[in-house]
N, C-alpha and C. Protein backbone atom coordinates (compact mmCIF):
# COMPACT_ATOMS: atom_id res chain seq x y z
N UNK A 1 18.45 -42.75 10.45
CA UNK A 1 19.53 -42.93 11.39
C UNK A 1 20.15 -44.30 11.19
N UNK A 2 21.42 -44.38 11.46
CA UNK A 2 22.16 -45.62 11.32
C UNK A 2 22.47 -46.19 12.70
N UNK A 3 22.84 -47.47 12.70
CA UNK A 3 23.27 -48.08 13.95
C UNK A 3 24.51 -47.36 14.44
N UNK A 4 24.66 -47.25 15.75
CA UNK A 4 25.76 -46.49 16.34
C UNK A 4 27.10 -47.19 16.24
N UNK A 5 28.16 -46.42 16.39
CA UNK A 5 29.52 -46.94 16.45
C UNK A 5 29.79 -47.46 17.85
N UNK A 6 30.91 -48.16 17.99
CA UNK A 6 31.32 -48.60 19.32
C UNK A 6 31.92 -47.43 20.08
N UNK A 7 32.14 -47.61 21.36
CA UNK A 7 32.69 -46.55 22.21
C UNK A 7 34.01 -46.00 21.72
N UNK A 8 34.94 -46.88 21.31
CA UNK A 8 36.25 -46.42 20.84
C UNK A 8 36.12 -45.62 19.55
N UNK A 9 35.26 -46.05 18.65
CA UNK A 9 35.08 -45.32 17.39
C UNK A 9 34.46 -43.95 17.64
N UNK A 10 33.49 -43.87 18.54
CA UNK A 10 32.87 -42.58 18.89
C UNK A 10 33.90 -41.66 19.50
N UNK A 11 34.72 -42.18 20.40
CA UNK A 11 35.75 -41.36 21.04
C UNK A 11 36.72 -40.80 20.01
N UNK A 12 37.17 -41.64 19.09
CA UNK A 12 38.11 -41.18 18.05
C UNK A 12 37.45 -40.14 17.15
N UNK A 13 36.21 -40.39 16.78
CA UNK A 13 35.48 -39.44 15.93
C UNK A 13 35.29 -38.11 16.65
N UNK A 14 34.89 -38.15 17.91
CA UNK A 14 34.68 -36.92 18.69
C UNK A 14 35.98 -36.15 18.87
N UNK A 15 37.07 -36.88 19.07
CA UNK A 15 38.37 -36.24 19.27
C UNK A 15 38.84 -35.52 18.01
N UNK A 16 38.43 -36.01 16.85
CA UNK A 16 38.87 -35.41 15.58
C UNK A 16 38.03 -34.21 15.15
N UNK A 17 36.94 -33.95 15.85
CA UNK A 17 36.03 -32.85 15.49
C UNK A 17 36.05 -31.80 16.60
N UNK A 18 36.34 -30.54 16.28
CA UNK A 18 36.47 -29.52 17.33
C UNK A 18 35.16 -28.89 17.78
N UNK A 19 34.02 -29.47 17.40
CA UNK A 19 32.73 -28.87 17.69
C UNK A 19 32.02 -29.59 18.84
N UNK A 20 31.09 -28.89 19.48
CA UNK A 20 30.27 -29.50 20.52
C UNK A 20 29.56 -30.71 19.95
N UNK A 21 29.57 -31.82 20.70
CA UNK A 21 28.98 -33.05 20.18
C UNK A 21 28.46 -33.93 21.31
N UNK A 22 27.50 -34.77 20.96
CA UNK A 22 26.97 -35.78 21.88
C UNK A 22 26.88 -37.11 21.14
N UNK A 23 27.04 -38.19 21.88
CA UNK A 23 26.81 -39.54 21.37
C UNK A 23 25.35 -39.83 21.68
N UNK A 24 24.48 -39.76 20.67
CA UNK A 24 23.03 -39.77 20.85
C UNK A 24 22.40 -40.94 20.12
N UNK A 25 21.51 -41.65 20.81
CA UNK A 25 20.82 -42.81 20.22
C UNK A 25 19.33 -42.76 20.52
N UNK A 26 18.55 -43.21 19.56
CA UNK A 26 17.11 -43.37 19.73
C UNK A 26 16.80 -44.82 19.37
N UNK A 27 16.35 -45.59 20.34
CA UNK A 27 16.05 -47.00 20.15
C UNK A 27 17.26 -47.76 19.61
N UNK A 28 18.45 -47.36 20.07
CA UNK A 28 19.68 -48.05 19.69
C UNK A 28 20.35 -47.54 18.43
N UNK A 29 19.70 -46.67 17.68
CA UNK A 29 20.27 -46.13 16.45
C UNK A 29 20.75 -44.71 16.67
N UNK A 30 21.87 -44.36 16.08
CA UNK A 30 22.39 -43.01 16.22
C UNK A 30 23.89 -43.00 16.12
N UNK A 31 24.52 -42.11 16.85
CA UNK A 31 25.96 -41.96 16.83
C UNK A 31 26.34 -40.57 17.26
N UNK A 32 27.53 -40.14 16.86
CA UNK A 32 28.01 -38.82 17.23
C UNK A 32 27.25 -37.76 16.44
N UNK A 33 26.72 -36.78 17.15
CA UNK A 33 25.92 -35.72 16.54
C UNK A 33 26.53 -34.38 16.96
N UNK A 34 26.63 -33.47 16.00
CA UNK A 34 27.22 -32.15 16.22
C UNK A 34 26.11 -31.15 16.55
N UNK A 35 26.42 -30.19 17.42
CA UNK A 35 25.47 -29.13 17.75
C UNK A 35 25.12 -28.34 16.50
N UNK A 36 23.84 -28.32 16.14
CA UNK A 36 23.38 -27.60 14.94
C UNK A 36 23.06 -26.15 15.26
N UNK A 37 22.45 -25.92 16.43
CA UNK A 37 22.03 -24.57 16.80
C UNK A 37 21.74 -24.53 18.29
N UNK A 38 21.83 -23.33 18.86
CA UNK A 38 21.50 -23.16 20.27
C UNK A 38 20.87 -21.80 20.48
N UNK A 39 19.76 -21.79 21.24
CA UNK A 39 19.08 -20.56 21.63
C UNK A 39 18.86 -20.66 23.14
N UNK A 40 19.53 -19.79 23.90
CA UNK A 40 19.49 -19.83 25.36
C UNK A 40 19.90 -21.23 25.82
N UNK A 41 19.05 -21.93 26.61
CA UNK A 41 19.42 -23.26 27.09
C UNK A 41 18.85 -24.39 26.22
N UNK A 42 18.32 -24.07 25.05
CA UNK A 42 17.76 -25.05 24.13
C UNK A 42 18.77 -25.33 23.01
N UNK A 43 19.25 -26.57 22.94
CA UNK A 43 20.23 -26.96 21.92
C UNK A 43 19.61 -27.96 20.96
N UNK A 44 19.97 -27.84 19.68
CA UNK A 44 19.42 -28.69 18.62
C UNK A 44 20.54 -29.55 18.05
N UNK A 45 20.28 -30.85 17.96
CA UNK A 45 21.25 -31.83 17.50
C UNK A 45 20.66 -32.55 16.30
N UNK A 46 21.31 -32.46 15.16
CA UNK A 46 20.73 -32.99 13.92
C UNK A 46 21.57 -34.14 13.38
N UNK A 47 20.86 -35.24 13.06
CA UNK A 47 21.49 -36.39 12.44
C UNK A 47 21.67 -36.15 10.94
N UNK A 48 22.48 -36.97 10.33
CA UNK A 48 22.77 -36.86 8.90
C UNK A 48 21.50 -36.91 8.05
N UNK A 49 20.49 -37.67 8.48
CA UNK A 49 19.25 -37.80 7.69
C UNK A 49 18.26 -36.66 7.94
N UNK A 50 18.66 -35.67 8.75
CA UNK A 50 17.79 -34.52 9.03
C UNK A 50 16.98 -34.65 10.30
N UNK A 51 16.92 -35.84 10.90
CA UNK A 51 16.23 -35.99 12.18
C UNK A 51 16.90 -35.10 13.21
N UNK A 52 16.09 -34.51 14.07
CA UNK A 52 16.62 -33.55 15.04
C UNK A 52 16.10 -33.87 16.44
N UNK A 53 16.97 -33.72 17.42
CA UNK A 53 16.60 -33.86 18.82
C UNK A 53 16.98 -32.55 19.51
N UNK A 54 16.05 -32.01 20.30
CA UNK A 54 16.31 -30.78 21.05
C UNK A 54 16.44 -31.11 22.54
N UNK A 55 17.48 -30.58 23.15
CA UNK A 55 17.71 -30.74 24.59
C UNK A 55 17.59 -29.38 25.25
N UNK A 56 16.87 -29.34 26.37
CA UNK A 56 16.77 -28.10 27.14
C UNK A 56 17.58 -28.29 28.41
N UNK A 57 18.67 -27.54 28.52
CA UNK A 57 19.60 -27.68 29.64
C UNK A 57 20.06 -29.14 29.77
N UNK A 58 20.22 -29.83 28.63
CA UNK A 58 20.68 -31.21 28.62
C UNK A 58 19.60 -32.25 28.79
N UNK A 59 18.33 -31.85 28.93
CA UNK A 59 17.19 -32.74 29.17
C UNK A 59 16.34 -32.80 27.90
N UNK A 60 15.82 -33.97 27.56
CA UNK A 60 15.05 -34.13 26.32
C UNK A 60 13.85 -33.19 26.29
N UNK A 61 13.78 -32.37 25.25
CA UNK A 61 12.68 -31.42 25.08
C UNK A 61 11.76 -31.81 23.93
N UNK A 62 12.33 -32.15 22.76
CA UNK A 62 11.51 -32.48 21.60
C UNK A 62 12.35 -33.19 20.55
N UNK A 63 11.67 -33.68 19.50
CA UNK A 63 12.36 -34.31 18.37
C UNK A 63 11.53 -34.12 17.12
N UNK A 64 12.17 -34.30 15.97
CA UNK A 64 11.48 -34.20 14.68
C UNK A 64 12.17 -35.14 13.69
N UNK A 65 11.39 -35.69 12.78
CA UNK A 65 11.95 -36.55 11.74
C UNK A 65 12.16 -38.00 12.13
N UNK A 66 11.75 -38.39 13.33
CA UNK A 66 11.87 -39.77 13.78
C UNK A 66 10.56 -40.51 13.52
N UNK A 67 10.56 -41.82 13.69
CA UNK A 67 9.33 -42.60 13.52
C UNK A 67 8.28 -42.17 14.55
N UNK A 68 8.71 -41.91 15.79
CA UNK A 68 7.86 -41.36 16.84
C UNK A 68 8.55 -40.09 17.33
N UNK A 69 7.79 -39.01 17.48
CA UNK A 69 8.40 -37.74 17.84
C UNK A 69 7.82 -37.14 19.10
N UNK A 70 8.70 -36.57 19.89
CA UNK A 70 8.31 -35.79 21.05
C UNK A 70 8.10 -34.37 20.57
N UNK A 71 6.87 -33.87 20.67
CA UNK A 71 6.54 -32.54 20.16
C UNK A 71 6.93 -31.46 21.16
N UNK A 72 6.69 -31.71 22.45
CA UNK A 72 6.97 -30.68 23.44
C UNK A 72 7.09 -31.29 24.83
N UNK A 73 7.87 -30.65 25.69
CA UNK A 73 8.00 -31.03 27.09
C UNK A 73 7.89 -29.77 27.94
N UNK A 74 7.05 -29.83 28.96
CA UNK A 74 6.92 -28.73 29.92
C UNK A 74 7.11 -29.31 31.32
N UNK A 75 7.89 -28.62 32.14
CA UNK A 75 8.11 -29.02 33.53
C UNK A 75 7.53 -27.94 34.42
N UNK A 76 6.76 -28.36 35.44
CA UNK A 76 6.14 -27.40 36.35
C UNK A 76 6.13 -27.96 37.77
N UNK A 77 5.73 -27.11 38.71
CA UNK A 77 5.54 -27.50 40.12
C UNK A 77 6.77 -28.17 40.73
N UNK A 78 7.96 -27.63 40.47
CA UNK A 78 9.19 -28.19 41.01
C UNK A 78 9.24 -27.94 42.51
N UNK A 79 9.45 -29.01 43.30
CA UNK A 79 9.41 -28.90 44.76
C UNK A 79 10.64 -28.21 45.34
N UNK A 80 11.76 -28.22 44.63
CA UNK A 80 12.99 -27.60 45.12
C UNK A 80 13.10 -26.21 44.50
N UNK A 81 12.79 -25.19 45.27
CA UNK A 81 12.75 -23.83 44.73
C UNK A 81 14.11 -23.33 44.26
N UNK A 82 15.19 -23.98 44.67
CA UNK A 82 16.52 -23.58 44.24
C UNK A 82 16.91 -24.11 42.88
N UNK A 83 16.04 -24.88 42.24
CA UNK A 83 16.40 -25.54 40.98
C UNK A 83 16.12 -24.70 39.75
N UNK A 84 15.47 -23.55 39.88
CA UNK A 84 15.22 -22.67 38.75
C UNK A 84 14.47 -23.40 37.62
N UNK A 85 13.46 -24.17 37.96
CA UNK A 85 12.58 -24.90 37.03
C UNK A 85 13.25 -26.09 36.35
N UNK A 86 14.52 -26.36 36.62
CA UNK A 86 15.18 -27.56 36.12
C UNK A 86 15.48 -28.44 37.33
N UNK A 87 14.69 -29.48 37.55
CA UNK A 87 14.81 -30.28 38.77
C UNK A 87 16.21 -30.84 39.03
N UNK A 88 16.94 -31.18 37.98
CA UNK A 88 18.28 -31.75 38.12
C UNK A 88 19.31 -30.72 38.60
N UNK A 89 18.97 -29.43 38.54
CA UNK A 89 19.90 -28.37 38.96
C UNK A 89 19.84 -28.08 40.46
N UNK A 90 18.84 -28.58 41.14
CA UNK A 90 18.69 -28.31 42.57
C UNK A 90 19.66 -29.09 43.43
N UNK A 91 19.69 -28.76 44.71
CA UNK A 91 20.60 -29.42 45.65
C UNK A 91 19.96 -30.57 46.40
N UNK A 92 18.64 -30.67 46.36
CA UNK A 92 17.94 -31.71 47.11
C UNK A 92 18.22 -33.08 46.50
N UNK A 93 18.31 -34.11 47.37
CA UNK A 93 18.53 -35.47 46.89
C UNK A 93 17.27 -36.04 46.24
N UNK A 94 16.09 -35.51 46.62
CA UNK A 94 14.82 -35.96 46.05
C UNK A 94 14.00 -34.73 45.69
N UNK A 95 13.57 -34.68 44.44
CA UNK A 95 12.78 -33.55 43.94
C UNK A 95 11.54 -34.12 43.26
N UNK A 96 10.41 -33.47 43.46
CA UNK A 96 9.20 -33.85 42.73
C UNK A 96 8.79 -32.69 41.82
N UNK A 97 8.11 -33.04 40.74
CA UNK A 97 7.68 -32.05 39.76
C UNK A 97 6.63 -32.68 38.86
N UNK A 98 6.12 -31.91 37.94
CA UNK A 98 5.10 -32.36 37.00
C UNK A 98 5.66 -32.23 35.59
N UNK A 99 5.48 -33.26 34.77
CA UNK A 99 5.92 -33.24 33.37
C UNK A 99 4.68 -33.35 32.48
N UNK A 100 4.59 -32.46 31.52
CA UNK A 100 3.55 -32.52 30.49
C UNK A 100 4.25 -32.70 29.16
N UNK A 101 3.84 -33.73 28.42
CA UNK A 101 4.46 -34.00 27.13
C UNK A 101 3.40 -34.24 26.08
N UNK A 102 3.75 -33.83 24.86
CA UNK A 102 2.93 -34.12 23.69
C UNK A 102 3.83 -34.85 22.71
N UNK A 103 3.31 -35.95 22.11
CA UNK A 103 4.11 -36.73 21.19
C UNK A 103 3.25 -37.27 20.06
N UNK A 104 3.93 -37.65 18.99
CA UNK A 104 3.25 -38.26 17.85
C UNK A 104 3.75 -39.70 17.74
N UNK A 105 2.82 -40.64 17.77
CA UNK A 105 3.17 -42.05 17.70
C UNK A 105 3.42 -42.47 16.25
N UNK A 106 3.94 -43.67 16.07
CA UNK A 106 4.29 -44.16 14.73
C UNK A 106 3.08 -44.23 13.81
N UNK A 107 1.87 -44.37 14.36
CA UNK A 107 0.66 -44.43 13.53
C UNK A 107 0.16 -43.04 13.13
N UNK A 108 0.89 -41.99 13.53
CA UNK A 108 0.55 -40.63 13.12
C UNK A 108 -0.35 -39.87 14.08
N UNK A 109 -0.81 -40.52 15.14
CA UNK A 109 -1.70 -39.85 16.09
C UNK A 109 -0.90 -39.02 17.10
N UNK A 110 -1.47 -37.89 17.48
CA UNK A 110 -0.86 -37.02 18.48
C UNK A 110 -1.47 -37.33 19.84
N UNK A 111 -0.61 -37.43 20.85
CA UNK A 111 -1.03 -37.75 22.21
C UNK A 111 -0.51 -36.69 23.16
N UNK A 112 -1.19 -36.55 24.28
CA UNK A 112 -0.74 -35.62 25.33
C UNK A 112 -0.87 -36.34 26.65
N UNK A 113 0.15 -36.24 27.47
CA UNK A 113 0.12 -36.90 28.77
C UNK A 113 0.78 -36.05 29.83
N UNK A 114 0.34 -36.29 31.07
CA UNK A 114 0.94 -35.62 32.22
C UNK A 114 1.39 -36.68 33.21
N UNK A 115 2.49 -36.39 33.88
CA UNK A 115 3.05 -37.34 34.84
C UNK A 115 3.50 -36.62 36.09
N UNK A 116 3.27 -37.27 37.23
CA UNK A 116 3.90 -36.83 38.47
C UNK A 116 5.29 -37.44 38.45
N UNK A 117 6.30 -36.60 38.55
CA UNK A 117 7.67 -37.05 38.40
C UNK A 117 8.44 -36.91 39.70
N UNK A 118 9.41 -37.80 39.87
CA UNK A 118 10.34 -37.67 40.99
C UNK A 118 11.74 -37.94 40.48
N UNK A 119 12.69 -37.24 41.05
CA UNK A 119 14.10 -37.41 40.72
C UNK A 119 14.81 -37.73 42.03
N UNK A 120 15.33 -38.95 42.13
CA UNK A 120 15.98 -39.43 43.34
C UNK A 120 17.46 -39.62 43.04
N UNK A 121 18.31 -38.79 43.64
CA UNK A 121 19.75 -38.78 43.33
C UNK A 121 20.56 -39.49 44.41
N UNK A 122 21.54 -40.28 43.98
CA UNK A 122 22.47 -40.91 44.90
C UNK A 122 23.29 -39.84 45.61
N UNK A 123 23.70 -40.13 46.83
CA UNK A 123 24.58 -39.19 47.53
C UNK A 123 26.02 -39.36 47.06
N UNK A 124 26.39 -40.57 46.69
CA UNK A 124 27.75 -40.85 46.22
C UNK A 124 27.88 -40.55 44.73
N UNK A 125 29.11 -40.29 44.32
CA UNK A 125 29.39 -40.11 42.89
C UNK A 125 30.11 -41.36 42.40
N UNK A 126 30.08 -41.55 41.08
CA UNK A 126 30.79 -42.68 40.48
C UNK A 126 31.54 -42.18 39.25
N UNK A 127 32.62 -42.88 38.91
CA UNK A 127 33.37 -42.54 37.71
C UNK A 127 32.57 -42.98 36.49
N UNK A 128 32.30 -42.04 35.59
CA UNK A 128 31.56 -42.34 34.37
C UNK A 128 32.45 -42.00 33.18
N UNK A 129 32.63 -42.97 32.29
CA UNK A 129 33.43 -42.78 31.09
C UNK A 129 32.56 -42.18 29.99
N UNK A 130 32.91 -40.98 29.58
CA UNK A 130 32.27 -40.32 28.45
C UNK A 130 33.21 -40.44 27.26
N UNK A 131 32.78 -40.12 26.05
CA UNK A 131 33.65 -40.31 24.89
C UNK A 131 35.02 -39.64 24.98
N UNK A 132 35.12 -38.46 25.59
CA UNK A 132 36.40 -37.75 25.62
C UNK A 132 36.94 -37.50 27.03
N UNK A 133 36.26 -37.98 28.04
CA UNK A 133 36.72 -37.72 29.40
C UNK A 133 36.04 -38.68 30.37
N UNK A 134 36.58 -38.71 31.57
CA UNK A 134 35.98 -39.45 32.67
C UNK A 134 35.63 -38.43 33.75
N UNK A 135 34.41 -38.50 34.25
CA UNK A 135 33.97 -37.54 35.27
C UNK A 135 33.36 -38.28 36.45
N UNK A 136 33.42 -37.67 37.61
CA UNK A 136 32.73 -38.18 38.79
C UNK A 136 31.32 -37.58 38.75
N UNK A 137 30.33 -38.44 38.52
CA UNK A 137 28.96 -37.99 38.34
C UNK A 137 28.03 -38.65 39.35
N UNK A 138 26.95 -37.98 39.60
CA UNK A 138 25.91 -38.45 40.51
C UNK A 138 24.77 -39.01 39.66
N UNK A 139 24.36 -40.23 39.93
CA UNK A 139 23.24 -40.84 39.21
C UNK A 139 21.93 -40.43 39.87
N UNK A 140 20.98 -40.00 39.04
CA UNK A 140 19.64 -39.63 39.51
C UNK A 140 18.62 -40.45 38.74
N UNK A 141 17.74 -41.12 39.44
CA UNK A 141 16.70 -41.90 38.80
C UNK A 141 15.42 -41.09 38.71
N UNK A 142 14.93 -40.96 37.49
CA UNK A 142 13.68 -40.22 37.25
C UNK A 142 12.55 -41.23 37.08
N UNK A 143 11.47 -41.04 37.81
CA UNK A 143 10.28 -41.86 37.69
C UNK A 143 9.14 -40.96 37.25
N UNK A 144 8.48 -41.33 36.15
CA UNK A 144 7.33 -40.58 35.63
C UNK A 144 6.09 -41.44 35.77
N UNK A 145 5.21 -41.09 36.71
CA UNK A 145 3.95 -41.80 36.93
C UNK A 145 2.87 -41.07 36.14
N UNK A 146 2.53 -41.63 34.98
CA UNK A 146 1.60 -40.98 34.04
C UNK A 146 0.16 -41.08 34.52
N UNK A 147 -0.64 -40.11 34.13
CA UNK A 147 -2.04 -40.06 34.54
C UNK A 147 -2.84 -41.27 34.06
N UNK A 148 -2.37 -41.98 33.02
CA UNK A 148 -3.09 -43.16 32.53
C UNK A 148 -2.72 -44.43 33.30
N UNK A 149 -1.88 -44.29 34.33
CA UNK A 149 -1.51 -45.43 35.17
C UNK A 149 -0.19 -46.09 34.80
N UNK A 150 0.41 -45.73 33.68
CA UNK A 150 1.70 -46.30 33.30
C UNK A 150 2.84 -45.53 33.97
N UNK A 151 3.99 -46.15 34.00
CA UNK A 151 5.18 -45.53 34.58
C UNK A 151 6.35 -45.71 33.62
N UNK A 152 7.11 -44.63 33.42
CA UNK A 152 8.35 -44.72 32.64
C UNK A 152 9.49 -44.24 33.52
N UNK A 153 10.71 -44.63 33.11
CA UNK A 153 11.88 -44.36 33.94
C UNK A 153 13.01 -43.77 33.12
N UNK A 154 13.90 -43.11 33.81
CA UNK A 154 15.12 -42.61 33.19
C UNK A 154 16.21 -42.49 34.23
N UNK A 155 17.44 -42.38 33.75
CA UNK A 155 18.58 -42.12 34.62
C UNK A 155 19.32 -40.91 34.06
N UNK A 156 19.58 -39.96 34.92
CA UNK A 156 20.30 -38.74 34.55
C UNK A 156 21.59 -38.73 35.36
N UNK A 157 22.73 -38.51 34.70
CA UNK A 157 24.01 -38.41 35.38
C UNK A 157 24.42 -36.95 35.38
N UNK A 158 24.63 -36.39 36.57
CA UNK A 158 24.92 -34.96 36.69
C UNK A 158 26.15 -34.73 37.57
N UNK A 159 26.73 -33.53 37.41
CA UNK A 159 27.78 -33.12 38.33
C UNK A 159 27.09 -32.60 39.59
N UNK A 160 27.48 -33.08 40.76
CA UNK A 160 26.78 -32.67 41.98
C UNK A 160 26.96 -31.20 42.32
N UNK A 161 28.05 -30.58 41.88
CA UNK A 161 28.31 -29.18 42.22
C UNK A 161 27.32 -28.22 41.56
N UNK A 162 26.97 -28.48 40.31
CA UNK A 162 26.11 -27.53 39.58
C UNK A 162 24.90 -28.17 38.92
N UNK A 163 24.77 -29.50 38.99
CA UNK A 163 23.61 -30.18 38.41
C UNK A 163 23.64 -30.31 36.90
N UNK A 164 24.75 -30.00 36.26
CA UNK A 164 24.83 -30.11 34.80
C UNK A 164 24.68 -31.57 34.39
N UNK A 165 23.84 -31.81 33.39
CA UNK A 165 23.64 -33.16 32.88
C UNK A 165 24.74 -33.50 31.87
N UNK A 166 25.33 -34.69 32.06
CA UNK A 166 26.39 -35.16 31.16
C UNK A 166 25.97 -36.41 30.40
N UNK A 167 24.99 -37.14 30.91
CA UNK A 167 24.50 -38.33 30.24
C UNK A 167 23.07 -38.59 30.71
N UNK A 168 22.26 -39.12 29.81
CA UNK A 168 20.85 -39.42 30.13
C UNK A 168 20.44 -40.67 29.36
N UNK A 169 19.64 -41.50 30.01
CA UNK A 169 18.95 -42.61 29.35
C UNK A 169 17.51 -42.55 29.82
N UNK A 170 16.55 -42.48 28.88
CA UNK A 170 15.16 -42.28 29.30
C UNK A 170 14.17 -42.87 28.30
N UNK A 171 13.03 -43.27 28.83
CA UNK A 171 11.85 -43.56 28.01
C UNK A 171 10.90 -42.40 28.31
N UNK A 172 10.81 -41.42 27.41
CA UNK A 172 10.15 -40.15 27.73
C UNK A 172 8.63 -40.19 27.83
N UNK A 173 7.97 -41.17 27.26
CA UNK A 173 6.52 -41.28 27.38
C UNK A 173 6.16 -42.76 27.26
N UNK A 174 4.96 -43.15 27.66
CA UNK A 174 4.55 -44.56 27.58
C UNK A 174 4.61 -45.07 26.14
N UNK A 175 5.31 -46.18 25.93
CA UNK A 175 5.44 -46.77 24.60
C UNK A 175 6.51 -46.13 23.74
N UNK A 176 7.24 -45.18 24.28
CA UNK A 176 8.28 -44.48 23.51
C UNK A 176 9.53 -45.35 23.37
N UNK A 177 10.32 -45.08 22.33
CA UNK A 177 11.63 -45.71 22.25
C UNK A 177 12.54 -45.12 23.33
N UNK A 178 13.62 -45.81 23.62
CA UNK A 178 14.60 -45.28 24.57
C UNK A 178 15.48 -44.25 23.87
N UNK A 179 15.64 -43.10 24.51
CA UNK A 179 16.56 -42.06 24.06
C UNK A 179 17.74 -42.08 25.03
N UNK A 180 18.96 -42.09 24.52
CA UNK A 180 20.11 -41.97 25.40
C UNK A 180 21.19 -41.13 24.74
N UNK A 181 21.90 -40.39 25.55
CA UNK A 181 23.00 -39.57 25.04
C UNK A 181 24.00 -39.33 26.15
N UNK A 182 25.22 -39.07 25.71
CA UNK A 182 26.27 -38.64 26.61
C UNK A 182 27.09 -37.57 25.92
N UNK A 183 27.49 -36.60 26.68
CA UNK A 183 28.25 -35.49 26.12
C UNK A 183 29.62 -36.00 25.68
N UNK A 184 30.00 -35.66 24.46
CA UNK A 184 31.35 -35.94 23.99
C UNK A 184 32.19 -34.68 24.20
N UNK A 185 31.89 -33.63 23.44
CA UNK A 185 32.57 -32.34 23.60
C UNK A 185 31.53 -31.34 24.09
N UNK A 186 31.72 -30.77 25.29
CA UNK A 186 30.71 -29.88 25.89
C UNK A 186 30.45 -28.61 25.08
N UNK A 187 29.28 -28.07 25.27
CA UNK A 187 28.91 -26.80 24.66
C UNK A 187 28.66 -25.77 25.72
C-alpha cells in the first residue's frame, strides 16, 4: 500500500471513476479503492498490491495481505432487537453487544479476543464532508472492552434514518493499526 492522496486528489479521482469506491487507509497508508466483489452485505475492497479489506454492512469484517490481518469478526448479543444483528442499524442511542475477533499479528501469531462493546450515538447530526458529497451524519463512539483488560475505540458516522455507515475510524483489536474509510461513491 502507498501513502494516501490528499482530500482534493481523492475527490477528483473518485469523481472520474463510475464505480463504487471508498477512501480507505490502514495505519495511514491507502487511498481510493474500488469495490472488487460483493456477496449479500459483505463487500471486498482490494488495493493495487492485492491487499484486501472486507466490510460487512460497512463495518470492518476482515483483511488479507496486510502486515497484520483481521481474520474474522463476529457480533452477538445485540441489546437493541431492532438492529438485525448490526448494532449501528438500530434506533437506540446506546447499544451493547459482544465482539469476537481473530487476527494475525506482524510476528505471524494468530490471536483470538472477545470484547464487551458499546455504541453510544450523538442525538445531533453534523455535516461531514465525504469525497463526493456532504451528508448530515450522526457520530457513534464504539468502545471495545477486551477480556484481557485492554480497551480499543472507534467512531462510526451513520445516517440516523437508516443507520447506514458512511465513514469509520477504528482500532479493531488491541495493538492493531488504525483502519479508517469513508464512502466516496456508494454501492
